All heavy atoms as atom14 arrays in JSON, in Angstrom:
{
  "sequence": "VIEKIRMMGFANMPIANPLEIICVECGQRFQMEYHESKCPNCNMIYG",
  "atom14_mask": [
    [1, 1, 1, 1, 1, 1, 1, 0, 0, 0, 0, 0, 0, 0],
    [1, 1, 1, 1, 1, 1, 1, 1, 0, 0, 0, 0, 0, 0],
    [1, 1, 1, 1, 1, 1, 1, 1, 1, 0, 0, 0, 0, 0],
    [1, 1, 1, 1, 1, 1, 1, 1, 1, 0, 0, 0, 0, 0],
    [1, 1, 1, 1, 1, 1, 1, 1, 0, 0, 0, 0, 0, 0],
    [1, 1, 1, 1, 1, 1, 1, 1, 1, 1, 1, 0, 0, 0],
    [1, 1, 1, 1, 1, 1, 1, 1, 0, 0, 0, 0, 0, 0],
    [1, 1, 1, 1, 1, 1, 1, 1, 0, 0, 0, 0, 0, 0],
    [1, 1, 1, 1, 0, 0, 0, 0, 0, 0, 0, 0, 0, 0],
    [1, 1, 1, 1, 1, 1, 1, 1, 1, 1, 1, 0, 0, 0],
    [1, 1, 1, 1, 1, 0, 0, 0, 0, 0, 0, 0, 0, 0],
    [1, 1, 1, 1, 1, 1, 1, 1, 0, 0, 0, 0, 0, 0],
    [1, 1, 1, 1, 1, 1, 1, 1, 0, 0, 0, 0, 0, 0],
    [1, 1, 1, 1, 1, 1, 1, 0, 0, 0, 0, 0, 0, 0],
    [1, 1, 1, 1, 1, 1, 1, 1, 0, 0, 0, 0, 0, 0],
    [1, 1, 1, 1, 1, 0, 0, 0, 0, 0, 0, 0, 0, 0],
    [1, 1, 1, 1, 1, 1, 1, 1, 0, 0, 0, 0, 0, 0],
    [1, 1, 1, 1, 1, 1, 1, 0, 0, 0, 0, 0, 0, 0],
    [1, 1, 1, 1, 1, 1, 1, 1, 0, 0, 0, 0, 0, 0],
    [1, 1, 1, 1, 1, 1, 1, 1, 1, 0, 0, 0, 0, 0],
    [1, 1, 1, 1, 1, 1, 1, 1, 0, 0, 0, 0, 0, 0],
    [1, 1, 1, 1, 1, 1, 1, 1, 0, 0, 0, 0, 0, 0],
    [1, 1, 1, 1, 1, 1, 0, 0, 0, 0, 0, 0, 0, 0],
    [1, 1, 1, 1, 1, 1, 1, 0, 0, 0, 0, 0, 0, 0],
    [1, 1, 1, 1, 1, 1, 1, 1, 1, 0, 0, 0, 0, 0],
    [1, 1, 1, 1, 1, 1, 0, 0, 0, 0, 0, 0, 0, 0],
    [1, 1, 1, 1, 0, 0, 0, 0, 0, 0, 0, 0, 0, 0],
    [1, 1, 1, 1, 1, 1, 1, 1, 1, 0, 0, 0, 0, 0],
    [1, 1, 1, 1, 1, 1, 1, 1, 1, 1, 1, 0, 0, 0],
    [1, 1, 1, 1, 1, 1, 1, 1, 1, 1, 1, 0, 0, 0],
    [1, 1, 1, 1, 1, 1, 1, 1, 1, 0, 0, 0, 0, 0],
    [1, 1, 1, 1, 1, 1, 1, 1, 0, 0, 0, 0, 0, 0],
    [1, 1, 1, 1, 1, 1, 1, 1, 1, 0, 0, 0, 0, 0],
    [1, 1, 1, 1, 1, 1, 1, 1, 1, 1, 1, 1, 0, 0],
    [1, 1, 1, 1, 1, 1, 1, 1, 1, 1, 0, 0, 0, 0],
    [1, 1, 1, 1, 1, 1, 1, 1, 1, 0, 0, 0, 0, 0],
    [1, 1, 1, 1, 1, 1, 0, 0, 0, 0, 0, 0, 0, 0],
    [1, 1, 1, 1, 1, 1, 1, 1, 1, 0, 0, 0, 0, 0],
    [1, 1, 1, 1, 1, 1, 0, 0, 0, 0, 0, 0, 0, 0],
    [1, 1, 1, 1, 1, 1, 1, 0, 0, 0, 0, 0, 0, 0],
    [1, 1, 1, 1, 1, 1, 1, 1, 0, 0, 0, 0, 0, 0],
    [1, 1, 1, 1, 1, 1, 0, 0, 0, 0, 0, 0, 0, 0],
    [1, 1, 1, 1, 1, 1, 1, 1, 0, 0, 0, 0, 0, 0],
    [1, 1, 1, 1, 1, 1, 1, 1, 0, 0, 0, 0, 0, 0],
    [1, 1, 1, 1, 1, 1, 1, 1, 0, 0, 0, 0, 0, 0],
    [1, 1, 1, 1, 1, 1, 1, 1, 1, 1, 1, 1, 0, 0],
    [1, 1, 1, 1, 0, 0, 0, 0, 0, 0, 0, 0, 0, 0]
  ],
  "atom14_positions": [
    [[163.96, -47.65, 328.76], [163.48, -48.76, 329.52], [163.91, -48.8, 330.93], [163.12, -49.02, 331.77], [164.06, -50.15, 328.73], [163.78, -51.39, 329.7], [163.6, -50.29, 327.36], [0.0, 0.0, 0.0], [0.0, 0.0, 0.0], [0.0, 0.0, 0.0], [0.0, 0.0, 0.0], [0.0, 0.0, 0.0], [0.0, 0.0, 0.0], [0.0, 0.0, 0.0]],
    [[165.18, -48.43, 331.24], [165.77, -48.24, 332.54], [164.84, -47.32, 333.31], [164.53, -47.55, 334.47], [167.16, -47.97, 332.53], [167.96, -49.12, 331.86], [167.71, -47.55, 333.92], [167.93, -50.41, 332.81], [0.0, 0.0, 0.0], [0.0, 0.0, 0.0], [0.0, 0.0, 0.0], [0.0, 0.0, 0.0], [0.0, 0.0, 0.0], [0.0, 0.0, 0.0]],
    [[164.53, -46.11, 332.79], [163.83, -45.08, 333.43], [162.37, -45.67, 333.82], [161.98, -45.39, 334.86], [163.78, -43.86, 332.62], [165.01, -43.0, 332.55], [165.03, -42.06, 331.41], [164.01, -41.87, 330.71], [166.05, -41.23, 331.41], [0.0, 0.0, 0.0], [0.0, 0.0, 0.0], [0.0, 0.0, 0.0], [0.0, 0.0, 0.0], [0.0, 0.0, 0.0]],
    [[161.84, -46.31, 332.85], [160.46, -46.84, 333.14], [160.54, -47.96, 334.23], [159.7, -47.88, 335.15], [159.9, -47.41, 331.72], [158.58, -48.07, 331.91], [157.5, -47.0, 332.19], [156.15, -47.59, 331.97], [155.15, -46.52, 332.05], [0.0, 0.0, 0.0], [0.0, 0.0, 0.0], [0.0, 0.0, 0.0], [0.0, 0.0, 0.0], [0.0, 0.0, 0.0]],
    [[161.38, -48.91, 334.16], [161.36, -49.94, 335.19], [161.85, -49.42, 336.6], [161.24, -49.93, 337.6], [162.19, -51.19, 334.77], [163.64, -50.89, 334.59], [161.57, -51.94, 333.51], [164.51, -52.17, 334.31], [0.0, 0.0, 0.0], [0.0, 0.0, 0.0], [0.0, 0.0, 0.0], [0.0, 0.0, 0.0], [0.0, 0.0, 0.0], [0.0, 0.0, 0.0]],
    [[162.64, -48.45, 336.56], [162.89, -47.8, 337.83], [161.71, -47.06, 338.48], [161.46, -47.19, 339.58], [164.23, -46.83, 337.76], [165.53, -47.64, 337.6], [166.64, -46.57, 337.35], [167.88, -47.18, 337.27], [169.06, -46.62, 336.93], [169.03, -45.25, 336.7], [170.18, -47.21, 336.67], [0.0, 0.0, 0.0], [0.0, 0.0, 0.0], [0.0, 0.0, 0.0]],
    [[161.09, -46.3, 337.58], [159.93, -45.55, 338.08], [158.73, -46.42, 338.54], [158.2, -46.15, 339.52], [159.42, -44.8, 336.87], [158.12, -43.97, 337.22], [157.46, -43.05, 335.8], [156.81, -44.48, 334.82], [0.0, 0.0, 0.0], [0.0, 0.0, 0.0], [0.0, 0.0, 0.0], [0.0, 0.0, 0.0], [0.0, 0.0, 0.0], [0.0, 0.0, 0.0]],
    [[158.63, -47.65, 337.86], [157.66, -48.56, 338.29], [158.04, -49.56, 339.38], [157.23, -50.34, 339.86], [157.09, -49.34, 337.13], [156.62, -48.56, 335.95], [155.16, -47.56, 336.4], [153.98, -48.94, 336.61], [0.0, 0.0, 0.0], [0.0, 0.0, 0.0], [0.0, 0.0, 0.0], [0.0, 0.0, 0.0], [0.0, 0.0, 0.0], [0.0, 0.0, 0.0]],
    [[159.28, -49.39, 339.83], [159.73, -50.26, 340.88], [160.18, -51.76, 340.57], [160.24, -52.65, 341.34], [0.0, 0.0, 0.0], [0.0, 0.0, 0.0], [0.0, 0.0, 0.0], [0.0, 0.0, 0.0], [0.0, 0.0, 0.0], [0.0, 0.0, 0.0], [0.0, 0.0, 0.0], [0.0, 0.0, 0.0], [0.0, 0.0, 0.0], [0.0, 0.0, 0.0]],
    [[160.42, -52.06, 339.2], [160.73, -53.32, 338.82], [162.25, -53.57, 338.66], [162.68, -54.65, 338.41], [160.13, -53.6, 337.44], [158.67, -53.58, 337.41], [157.96, -52.82, 336.61], [157.96, -54.39, 338.34], [156.49, -52.78, 336.57], [156.46, -54.46, 338.37], [155.9, -53.6, 337.43], [0.0, 0.0, 0.0], [0.0, 0.0, 0.0], [0.0, 0.0, 0.0]],
    [[163.09, -52.53, 338.79], [164.5, -52.63, 338.38], [165.19, -53.78, 339.24], [165.97, -54.56, 338.68], [165.26, -51.28, 338.64], [0.0, 0.0, 0.0], [0.0, 0.0, 0.0], [0.0, 0.0, 0.0], [0.0, 0.0, 0.0], [0.0, 0.0, 0.0], [0.0, 0.0, 0.0], [0.0, 0.0, 0.0], [0.0, 0.0, 0.0], [0.0, 0.0, 0.0]],
    [[164.86, -53.91, 340.51], [165.56, -54.94, 341.4], [164.77, -56.1, 341.46], [165.15, -56.95, 342.36], [165.88, -54.29, 342.74], [166.86, -53.16, 342.57], [167.85, -53.21, 341.9], [166.63, -52.14, 343.26], [0.0, 0.0, 0.0], [0.0, 0.0, 0.0], [0.0, 0.0, 0.0], [0.0, 0.0, 0.0], [0.0, 0.0, 0.0], [0.0, 0.0, 0.0]],
    [[163.78, -56.27, 340.79], [162.87, -57.53, 340.76], [163.46, -58.64, 339.94], [163.91, -58.34, 338.87], [161.49, -57.18, 340.36], [160.71, -56.41, 341.31], [159.01, -56.09, 340.89], [158.38, -57.79, 341.0], [0.0, 0.0, 0.0], [0.0, 0.0, 0.0], [0.0, 0.0, 0.0], [0.0, 0.0, 0.0], [0.0, 0.0, 0.0], [0.0, 0.0, 0.0]],
    [[163.49, -59.89, 340.48], [164.18, -60.9, 339.69], [163.21, -61.27, 338.46], [162.04, -61.16, 338.49], [164.2, -62.12, 340.6], [163.48, -61.79, 341.84], [163.17, -60.3, 341.8], [0.0, 0.0, 0.0], [0.0, 0.0, 0.0], [0.0, 0.0, 0.0], [0.0, 0.0, 0.0], [0.0, 0.0, 0.0], [0.0, 0.0, 0.0], [0.0, 0.0, 0.0]],
    [[163.87, -61.71, 337.35], [163.21, -62.12, 336.15], [162.86, -63.63, 336.41], [163.75, -64.36, 336.99], [164.17, -62.12, 334.95], [164.41, -60.6, 334.59], [163.5, -62.8, 333.67], [165.4, -60.43, 333.53], [0.0, 0.0, 0.0], [0.0, 0.0, 0.0], [0.0, 0.0, 0.0], [0.0, 0.0, 0.0], [0.0, 0.0, 0.0], [0.0, 0.0, 0.0]],
    [[161.68, -64.08, 336.13], [161.19, -65.46, 336.35], [162.17, -66.49, 335.86], [162.5, -67.44, 336.47], [159.85, -65.63, 335.86], [0.0, 0.0, 0.0], [0.0, 0.0, 0.0], [0.0, 0.0, 0.0], [0.0, 0.0, 0.0], [0.0, 0.0, 0.0], [0.0, 0.0, 0.0], [0.0, 0.0, 0.0], [0.0, 0.0, 0.0], [0.0, 0.0, 0.0]],
    [[162.58, -66.29, 334.67], [163.59, -67.19, 334.0], [164.75, -66.38, 333.47], [164.51, -65.64, 332.41], [162.94, -68.0, 332.85], [161.82, -68.93, 333.28], [162.02, -69.73, 334.21], [160.65, -68.73, 332.69], [0.0, 0.0, 0.0], [0.0, 0.0, 0.0], [0.0, 0.0, 0.0], [0.0, 0.0, 0.0], [0.0, 0.0, 0.0], [0.0, 0.0, 0.0]],
    [[165.81, -66.37, 334.22], [166.98, -65.5, 333.79], [167.32, -65.7, 332.25], [167.15, -66.82, 331.74], [168.09, -66.04, 334.66], [167.4, -66.45, 335.9], [166.13, -67.18, 335.43], [0.0, 0.0, 0.0], [0.0, 0.0, 0.0], [0.0, 0.0, 0.0], [0.0, 0.0, 0.0], [0.0, 0.0, 0.0], [0.0, 0.0, 0.0], [0.0, 0.0, 0.0]],
    [[167.78, -64.57, 331.73], [168.04, -64.59, 330.31], [169.5, -64.56, 330.06], [170.26, -63.9, 330.74], [167.49, -63.4, 329.64], [166.01, -63.17, 329.85], [165.56, -61.76, 329.38], [165.2, -64.27, 329.08], [0.0, 0.0, 0.0], [0.0, 0.0, 0.0], [0.0, 0.0, 0.0], [0.0, 0.0, 0.0], [0.0, 0.0, 0.0], [0.0, 0.0, 0.0]],
    [[170.0, -65.3, 328.99], [171.4, -65.22, 328.69], [171.56, -64.11, 327.68], [170.96, -64.0, 326.63], [171.82, -66.54, 328.03], [173.33, -66.67, 327.76], [173.77, -68.01, 327.3], [173.67, -68.91, 328.17], [174.28, -68.05, 326.2], [0.0, 0.0, 0.0], [0.0, 0.0, 0.0], [0.0, 0.0, 0.0], [0.0, 0.0, 0.0], [0.0, 0.0, 0.0]],
    [[172.63, -63.24, 328.15], [172.78, -62.06, 327.33], [174.26, -62.09, 326.84], [175.24, -62.48, 327.58], [172.6, -60.85, 328.21], [171.3, -60.73, 328.84], [172.97, -59.48, 327.46], [170.06, -60.7, 327.83], [0.0, 0.0, 0.0], [0.0, 0.0, 0.0], [0.0, 0.0, 0.0], [0.0, 0.0, 0.0], [0.0, 0.0, 0.0], [0.0, 0.0, 0.0]],
    [[174.5, -61.55, 325.64], [175.91, -61.25, 325.22], [176.07, -59.83, 325.21], [175.31, -59.07, 324.4], [176.17, -61.87, 323.8], [175.95, -63.38, 323.89], [177.63, -61.51, 323.35], [176.0, -64.16, 322.52], [0.0, 0.0, 0.0], [0.0, 0.0, 0.0], [0.0, 0.0, 0.0], [0.0, 0.0, 0.0], [0.0, 0.0, 0.0], [0.0, 0.0, 0.0]],
    [[176.94, -59.28, 325.96], [177.14, -57.79, 326.08], [177.6, -57.24, 324.68], [178.46, -57.65, 324.01], [178.25, -57.53, 327.15], [178.5, -55.77, 327.35], [0.0, 0.0, 0.0], [0.0, 0.0, 0.0], [0.0, 0.0, 0.0], [0.0, 0.0, 0.0], [0.0, 0.0, 0.0], [0.0, 0.0, 0.0], [0.0, 0.0, 0.0], [0.0, 0.0, 0.0]],
    [[176.85, -56.16, 324.32], [177.14, -55.35, 323.1], [178.43, -54.59, 323.18], [179.09, -54.28, 322.25], [176.04, -54.49, 322.73], [174.75, -55.24, 322.46], [175.75, -53.34, 323.72], [0.0, 0.0, 0.0], [0.0, 0.0, 0.0], [0.0, 0.0, 0.0], [0.0, 0.0, 0.0], [0.0, 0.0, 0.0], [0.0, 0.0, 0.0], [0.0, 0.0, 0.0]],
    [[178.88, -54.36, 324.44], [180.05, -53.52, 324.67], [181.4, -54.41, 324.63], [182.31, -54.04, 323.94], [180.01, -52.82, 325.97], [181.22, -51.99, 326.38], [181.22, -50.64, 325.64], [180.19, -50.21, 324.96], [182.27, -50.02, 325.76], [0.0, 0.0, 0.0], [0.0, 0.0, 0.0], [0.0, 0.0, 0.0], [0.0, 0.0, 0.0], [0.0, 0.0, 0.0]],
    [[181.31, -55.52, 325.38], [182.63, -56.37, 325.49], [182.44, -57.69, 325.04], [183.51, -58.44, 324.91], [183.08, -56.3, 326.93], [182.04, -57.32, 327.97], [0.0, 0.0, 0.0], [0.0, 0.0, 0.0], [0.0, 0.0, 0.0], [0.0, 0.0, 0.0], [0.0, 0.0, 0.0], [0.0, 0.0, 0.0], [0.0, 0.0, 0.0], [0.0, 0.0, 0.0]],
    [[181.32, -58.24, 324.66], [181.15, -59.54, 324.15], [180.99, -60.65, 325.28], [180.86, -61.77, 324.84], [0.0, 0.0, 0.0], [0.0, 0.0, 0.0], [0.0, 0.0, 0.0], [0.0, 0.0, 0.0], [0.0, 0.0, 0.0], [0.0, 0.0, 0.0], [0.0, 0.0, 0.0], [0.0, 0.0, 0.0], [0.0, 0.0, 0.0], [0.0, 0.0, 0.0]],
    [[181.08, -60.25, 326.44], [180.96, -61.18, 327.57], [179.51, -61.69, 327.62], [178.57, -61.11, 327.53], [181.27, -60.49, 328.93], [181.02, -61.29, 330.12], [182.24, -62.2, 330.36], [183.32, -61.91, 329.89], [181.95, -63.33, 330.98], [0.0, 0.0, 0.0], [0.0, 0.0, 0.0], [0.0, 0.0, 0.0], [0.0, 0.0, 0.0], [0.0, 0.0, 0.0]],
    [[179.42, -63.07, 327.76], [178.09, -63.78, 327.87], [177.9, -63.75, 329.44], [178.7, -64.19, 330.28], [178.18, -65.17, 327.48], [177.01, -65.91, 327.38], [177.16, -67.29, 326.77], [177.76, -67.22, 325.4], [177.0, -67.25, 324.27], [175.72, -67.38, 324.4], [177.61, -67.14, 323.11], [0.0, 0.0, 0.0], [0.0, 0.0, 0.0], [0.0, 0.0, 0.0]],
    [[176.56, -63.41, 329.89], [176.2, -63.48, 331.24], [174.74, -63.75, 331.42], [173.92, -63.58, 330.49], [176.67, -62.26, 332.0], [175.91, -60.95, 331.72], [174.81, -60.52, 332.35], [176.18, -60.28, 330.54], [174.06, -59.37, 332.17], [175.47, -59.05, 330.22], [174.44, -58.58, 331.01], [0.0, 0.0, 0.0], [0.0, 0.0, 0.0], [0.0, 0.0, 0.0]],
    [[174.33, -64.17, 332.71], [172.92, -64.36, 332.92], [172.34, -63.04, 333.54], [172.7, -62.55, 334.54], [172.74, -65.48, 334.0], [173.15, -66.72, 333.49], [172.12, -67.32, 332.52], [170.95, -67.24, 332.79], [172.58, -67.87, 331.48], [0.0, 0.0, 0.0], [0.0, 0.0, 0.0], [0.0, 0.0, 0.0], [0.0, 0.0, 0.0], [0.0, 0.0, 0.0]],
    [[171.27, -62.54, 332.82], [170.5, -61.44, 333.34], [169.36, -61.96, 334.24], [168.6, -62.65, 333.84], [169.87, -60.61, 332.23], [169.15, -59.46, 332.65], [168.71, -58.5, 331.15], [167.88, -57.08, 331.97], [0.0, 0.0, 0.0], [0.0, 0.0, 0.0], [0.0, 0.0, 0.0], [0.0, 0.0, 0.0], [0.0, 0.0, 0.0], [0.0, 0.0, 0.0]],
    [[169.64, -61.63, 335.59], [168.64, -62.19, 336.63], [167.65, -61.14, 337.04], [166.73, -61.59, 337.8], [169.51, -62.82, 337.76], [170.47, -63.87, 337.26], [171.24, -64.39, 338.45], [171.17, -63.97, 339.63], [172.08, -65.35, 338.18], [0.0, 0.0, 0.0], [0.0, 0.0, 0.0], [0.0, 0.0, 0.0], [0.0, 0.0, 0.0], [0.0, 0.0, 0.0]],
    [[167.9, -59.94, 336.82], [166.96, -58.84, 337.33], [166.53, -58.0, 336.18], [167.31, -57.99, 335.08], [167.73, -57.99, 338.3], [167.96, -58.82, 339.57], [169.24, -59.41, 339.71], [167.1, -59.01, 340.63], [169.54, -60.21, 340.82], [167.4, -59.75, 341.69], [168.74, -60.39, 341.82], [168.9, -61.13, 342.91], [0.0, 0.0, 0.0], [0.0, 0.0, 0.0]],
    [[165.47, -57.26, 336.23], [164.94, -56.42, 335.16], [165.94, -55.32, 334.76], [166.02, -54.93, 333.62], [163.58, -55.85, 335.48], [162.59, -56.89, 335.45], [162.26, -57.64, 336.54], [161.79, -57.45, 334.42], [161.21, -58.53, 336.23], [160.99, -58.44, 334.95], [0.0, 0.0, 0.0], [0.0, 0.0, 0.0], [0.0, 0.0, 0.0], [0.0, 0.0, 0.0]],
    [[166.79, -54.99, 335.71], [167.88, -54.09, 335.44], [169.13, -54.86, 335.85], [169.23, -55.28, 337.09], [167.8, -52.82, 336.05], [169.08, -51.88, 335.89], [169.06, -50.58, 336.71], [167.87, -50.07, 336.92], [170.1, -49.98, 336.9], [0.0, 0.0, 0.0], [0.0, 0.0, 0.0], [0.0, 0.0, 0.0], [0.0, 0.0, 0.0], [0.0, 0.0, 0.0]],
    [[170.09, -55.07, 334.94], [171.4, -55.88, 335.19], [172.51, -55.16, 334.59], [172.41, -54.5, 333.72], [171.22, -57.32, 334.78], [170.16, -57.97, 335.4], [0.0, 0.0, 0.0], [0.0, 0.0, 0.0], [0.0, 0.0, 0.0], [0.0, 0.0, 0.0], [0.0, 0.0, 0.0], [0.0, 0.0, 0.0], [0.0, 0.0, 0.0], [0.0, 0.0, 0.0]],
    [[173.64, -55.45, 335.05], [174.94, -55.02, 334.59], [175.76, -56.15, 334.03], [175.85, -57.26, 334.69], [175.74, -54.2, 335.57], [175.22, -52.82, 335.93], [176.22, -52.16, 336.87], [175.69, -50.78, 337.28], [176.64, -50.16, 338.18], [0.0, 0.0, 0.0], [0.0, 0.0, 0.0], [0.0, 0.0, 0.0], [0.0, 0.0, 0.0], [0.0, 0.0, 0.0]],
    [[176.46, -55.89, 332.97], [177.53, -56.87, 332.55], [178.69, -56.92, 333.58], [179.06, -55.84, 334.08], [178.12, -56.41, 331.26], [179.54, -57.4, 330.68], [0.0, 0.0, 0.0], [0.0, 0.0, 0.0], [0.0, 0.0, 0.0], [0.0, 0.0, 0.0], [0.0, 0.0, 0.0], [0.0, 0.0, 0.0], [0.0, 0.0, 0.0], [0.0, 0.0, 0.0]],
    [[178.98, -58.15, 334.21], [179.95, -58.15, 335.18], [181.31, -57.84, 334.65], [182.2, -57.54, 335.5], [179.81, -59.65, 335.62], [179.21, -60.36, 334.5], [178.38, -59.36, 333.74], [0.0, 0.0, 0.0], [0.0, 0.0, 0.0], [0.0, 0.0, 0.0], [0.0, 0.0, 0.0], [0.0, 0.0, 0.0], [0.0, 0.0, 0.0], [0.0, 0.0, 0.0]],
    [[181.55, -57.71, 333.37], [182.84, -57.59, 332.89], [183.15, -55.99, 332.61], [184.21, -55.54, 333.09], [183.16, -58.25, 331.6], [184.5, -58.12, 331.07], [185.42, -58.41, 331.73], [184.6, -57.72, 329.86], [0.0, 0.0, 0.0], [0.0, 0.0, 0.0], [0.0, 0.0, 0.0], [0.0, 0.0, 0.0], [0.0, 0.0, 0.0], [0.0, 0.0, 0.0]],
    [[182.09, -55.31, 332.1], [182.33, -53.88, 331.67], [181.3, -52.88, 332.36], [181.44, -51.79, 332.05], [182.34, -53.8, 330.19], [180.73, -53.93, 329.46], [0.0, 0.0, 0.0], [0.0, 0.0, 0.0], [0.0, 0.0, 0.0], [0.0, 0.0, 0.0], [0.0, 0.0, 0.0], [0.0, 0.0, 0.0], [0.0, 0.0, 0.0], [0.0, 0.0, 0.0]],
    [[180.33, -53.36, 332.98], [179.29, -52.68, 333.68], [178.29, -52.0, 332.78], [177.71, -51.02, 333.18], [179.98, -51.64, 334.62], [180.59, -52.3, 335.82], [180.23, -53.17, 336.34], [181.77, -51.71, 336.14], [0.0, 0.0, 0.0], [0.0, 0.0, 0.0], [0.0, 0.0, 0.0], [0.0, 0.0, 0.0], [0.0, 0.0, 0.0], [0.0, 0.0, 0.0]],
    [[178.2, -52.5, 331.55], [177.07, -51.95, 330.65], [175.69, -52.4, 331.3], [175.6, -53.45, 331.8], [177.17, -52.54, 329.29], [175.99, -52.25, 328.32], [175.97, -50.5, 327.93], [177.24, -50.37, 326.69], [0.0, 0.0, 0.0], [0.0, 0.0, 0.0], [0.0, 0.0, 0.0], [0.0, 0.0, 0.0], [0.0, 0.0, 0.0], [0.0, 0.0, 0.0]],
    [[174.76, -51.4, 331.43], [173.54, -51.58, 332.06], [172.5, -52.09, 331.0], [172.41, -51.51, 329.88], [173.03, -50.36, 332.63], [174.05, -49.92, 333.79], [171.62, -50.47, 333.27], [173.77, -48.51, 334.38], [0.0, 0.0, 0.0], [0.0, 0.0, 0.0], [0.0, 0.0, 0.0], [0.0, 0.0, 0.0], [0.0, 0.0, 0.0], [0.0, 0.0, 0.0]],
    [[171.8, -53.01, 331.33], [170.69, -53.65, 330.55], [169.39, -53.6, 331.16], [169.39, -53.72, 332.37], [171.04, -55.09, 330.14], [172.21, -55.21, 329.18], [173.53, -55.18, 329.7], [172.06, -55.22, 327.87], [174.6, -55.32, 328.85], [173.13, -55.3, 326.97], [174.41, -55.33, 327.44], [175.52, -55.47, 326.65], [0.0, 0.0, 0.0], [0.0, 0.0, 0.0]],
    [[168.28, -53.4, 330.37], [166.95, -53.34, 331.01], [166.01, -54.11, 330.22], [166.09, -54.14, 328.95], [0.0, 0.0, 0.0], [0.0, 0.0, 0.0], [0.0, 0.0, 0.0], [0.0, 0.0, 0.0], [0.0, 0.0, 0.0], [0.0, 0.0, 0.0], [0.0, 0.0, 0.0], [0.0, 0.0, 0.0], [0.0, 0.0, 0.0], [0.0, 0.0, 0.0]]
  ]
}
């Protein structure tokens, strides 16, 4: 997913309605605002 959105130029584009994510690595809840985002607690990358 990350490779695809980077290739297509979407990685840094904002998501129309940010998504609430619970990190699979550390359990931190955060708002995913871009098509590629990192958990602010552990830096797990999501796409």
